[in-house]
Amino acid sequence: FDPTRDIVCLSTASQNSSVADIAITAHEFGHVDQKFSNSPLFKLRNGLVPIVNIGSRLGYILIILGFILSIVQISEIGLILFATTTLFALVTLPIEIDATKRGLAFIKKYKLIQEGNISGAKSVLNAAATTYIASLLTSLLNLIYWIIRVRGRD
């Protein structure tokens, strides 16, 4: 779901009627529901996007520049900017879990999948959620690595 244009973009691969395709599509409509029900976390995440775009690009540059110039304060500013990516991943995780819950409710309400296949839809969506957990852990470990490197130069 692209909240800036209010459209759901689906790949041609996900436009079939398999349990996985329906589950993923319902998940995207869960995001639509989040936006139009004024979910505070959804608003927060969307507000963070421009900050994270700057932080993720400029953060690394300032960290490295601080090393090159031997000015720890520049690296520390870079760390703060880079930390926005970890914050974004942290905020994203509950949003994705909530979109999955909303999507499953949508599937059940409109009987888009036979009752016997609901567990398959849950499995697909839970597997997708693990990618967000992995993203958060990767971001957190990366941030910790850079904190140790920068703080070790004090």
Protein backbone atom coordinates (compact mmCIF):
# COMPACT_ATOMS: atom_id res chain seq x y z
CA PHE A 1 0.00 0.00 0.00
CA ASP A 2 1.37 3.38 -0.99
CA PRO A 3 -0.08 5.81 1.59
CA THR A 4 1.16 8.86 -0.29
CA ARG A 5 -1.00 8.02 -3.31
CA ASP A 6 -3.66 5.93 -1.54
CA ILE A 7 -3.24 2.97 -3.87
CA VAL A 8 -2.57 -0.71 -3.33
CA CYS A 9 0.12 -1.92 -5.72
CA LEU A 10 0.15 -5.64 -6.38
CA SER A 11 2.64 -7.49 -8.53
CA THR A 12 1.23 -9.63 -11.31
CA ALA A 13 2.56 -12.65 -9.41
CA SER A 14 0.23 -11.89 -6.50
CA GLN A 15 -2.91 -11.46 -8.59
CA ASN A 16 -3.92 -15.10 -8.42
CA SER A 17 -6.43 -16.79 -6.16
CA SER A 18 -4.01 -18.88 -4.12
CA VAL A 19 -4.23 -18.74 -0.33
CA ALA A 20 -0.86 -16.94 -0.18
CA ASP A 21 -1.87 -14.31 -2.75
CA ILE A 22 -5.18 -13.60 -1.03
CA ALA A 23 -3.45 -13.39 2.37
CA ILE A 24 -0.83 -10.94 1.11
CA THR A 25 -3.46 -8.82 -0.64
CA ALA A 26 -5.61 -8.78 2.52
CA HIS A 27 -2.53 -7.71 4.51
CA GLU A 28 -2.10 -4.74 2.17
CA PHE A 29 -5.73 -3.82 2.71
CA GLY A 30 -4.97 -4.02 6.43
CA HIS A 31 -2.62 -1.08 5.82
CA VAL A 32 -5.42 0.75 4.00
CA ASP A 33 -7.61 0.23 7.06
CA GLN A 34 -4.80 1.53 9.30
CA LYS A 35 -4.53 4.72 7.30
CA PHE A 36 -8.23 5.45 7.13
CA SER A 37 -8.85 4.56 10.78
CA ASN A 38 -6.14 7.10 11.68
CA SER A 39 -3.81 4.60 13.35
CA PRO A 40 -1.33 6.68 15.40
CA LEU A 41 1.58 4.31 14.74
CA PHE A 42 0.84 4.34 11.02
CA LYS A 43 0.89 8.14 11.07
CA LEU A 44 4.13 8.13 13.07
CA ARG A 45 5.83 5.75 10.64
CA ASN A 46 4.78 7.82 7.65
CA GLY A 47 6.03 10.95 9.39
CA LEU A 48 9.38 9.27 10.01
CA VAL A 49 9.96 8.40 6.33
CA PRO A 50 11.61 11.70 5.27
CA ILE A 51 13.72 11.79 8.45
CA VAL A 52 14.83 8.18 7.97
CA ASN A 53 15.67 8.84 4.31
CA ILE A 54 18.03 11.60 5.40
CA GLY A 55 19.33 9.72 8.44
CA SER A 56 20.12 6.53 6.58
CA ARG A 57 22.08 8.34 3.89
CA LEU A 58 23.76 11.09 5.87
CA GLY A 59 24.36 9.03 9.02
CA TYR A 60 26.93 6.71 7.45
CA ILE A 61 28.66 9.61 5.73
CA LEU A 62 29.04 11.53 9.00
CA ILE A 63 30.21 8.45 10.91
CA ILE A 64 32.96 7.79 8.37
CA LEU A 65 33.79 11.49 8.01
CA GLY A 66 34.20 11.71 11.79
CA PHE A 67 36.66 8.80 11.64
CA ILE A 68 38.62 10.35 8.78
CA LEU A 69 38.82 13.76 10.46
CA SER A 70 39.26 12.25 13.95
CA ILE A 71 36.32 14.31 15.22
CA VAL A 72 34.17 12.06 17.40
CA GLN A 73 31.33 14.58 17.58
CA ILE A 74 30.75 14.32 13.81
CA SER A 75 30.54 10.52 14.13
CA GLU A 76 28.14 10.89 17.06
CA ILE A 77 25.84 13.09 14.99
CA GLY A 78 26.03 10.41 12.30
CA LEU A 79 25.05 7.78 14.89
CA ILE A 80 22.01 9.79 15.92
CA LEU A 81 20.94 10.12 12.30
CA PHE A 82 21.62 6.44 11.62
CA ALA A 83 19.59 5.47 14.72
CA THR A 84 16.47 6.73 12.95
CA THR A 85 16.61 3.58 10.79
CA THR A 86 16.42 1.42 13.91
CA LEU A 87 13.57 3.53 15.27
CA PHE A 88 11.77 3.10 11.94
CA ALA A 89 12.21 -0.68 12.06
CA LEU A 90 10.94 -0.71 15.65
CA VAL A 91 7.82 1.29 14.74
CA THR A 92 7.24 -0.78 11.59
CA LEU A 93 7.06 -4.15 13.36
CA PRO A 94 3.78 -3.59 15.29
CA ILE A 95 2.28 -1.91 12.22
CA GLU A 96 2.95 -4.98 10.11
CA ILE A 97 1.62 -7.33 12.80
CA ASP A 98 -1.53 -5.19 13.07
CA ALA A 99 -1.97 -5.14 9.28
CA THR A 100 -1.81 -8.93 9.33
CA LYS A 101 -4.51 -9.10 12.03
CA ARG A 102 -6.70 -6.71 10.07
CA GLY A 103 -6.08 -8.66 6.87
CA LEU A 104 -7.07 -11.95 8.50
CA ALA A 105 -10.23 -10.34 9.89
CA PHE A 106 -11.00 -9.09 6.36
CA ILE A 107 -10.51 -12.62 4.97
CA LYS A 108 -12.84 -14.12 7.58
CA LYS A 109 -15.48 -11.39 7.31
CA TYR A 110 -15.79 -11.70 3.53
CA LYS A 111 -15.06 -15.45 3.44
CA LEU A 112 -12.26 -15.00 0.91
CA ILE A 113 -10.60 -18.26 1.91
CA GLN A 114 -12.26 -21.50 2.97
CA GLU A 115 -12.13 -22.04 6.73
CA GLY A 116 -9.78 -25.00 6.34
CA ASN A 117 -7.21 -22.82 4.57
CA ILE A 118 -7.13 -19.99 7.13
CA SER A 119 -4.20 -21.62 8.93
CA GLY A 120 -2.26 -21.57 5.63
CA ALA A 121 -2.94 -17.84 5.28
CA LYS A 122 -1.74 -17.29 8.86
CA SER A 123 1.44 -19.25 8.12
CA VAL A 124 2.20 -17.13 5.05
CA LEU A 125 1.63 -13.90 6.95
CA ASN A 126 3.64 -15.04 9.97
CA ALA A 127 6.52 -15.93 7.67
CA ALA A 128 6.30 -12.46 6.13
CA ALA A 129 6.32 -10.90 9.62
CA THR A 130 9.60 -12.64 10.42
CA THR A 131 11.26 -10.53 7.74
CA TYR A 132 10.37 -7.43 9.77
CA ILE A 133 11.77 -9.02 12.92
CA ALA A 134 14.97 -9.82 11.03
CA SER A 135 15.11 -6.26 9.72
CA LEU A 136 14.77 -4.84 13.23
CA LEU A 137 17.47 -7.14 14.61
CA THR A 138 19.81 -6.36 11.71
CA SER A 139 19.30 -2.63 12.19
CA LEU A 140 19.80 -2.89 15.94
CA LEU A 141 22.99 -4.95 15.61
CA ASN A 142 24.32 -2.57 12.98
CA LEU A 143 23.62 0.39 15.27
CA ILE A 144 25.31 -1.34 18.22
CA TYR A 145 28.34 -2.08 16.04
CA TRP A 146 28.71 1.58 15.05
CA ILE A 147 28.14 2.77 18.62
CA ILE A 148 30.97 0.51 19.81
CA ARG A 149 33.24 1.71 17.00
CA VAL A 150 32.52 5.40 17.62
CA ARG A 151 32.60 5.19 21.43
CA GLY A 152 35.85 3.23 21.23
CA ARG A 153 37.49 6.25 19.60
CA ASP A 154 36.81 8.55 22.57
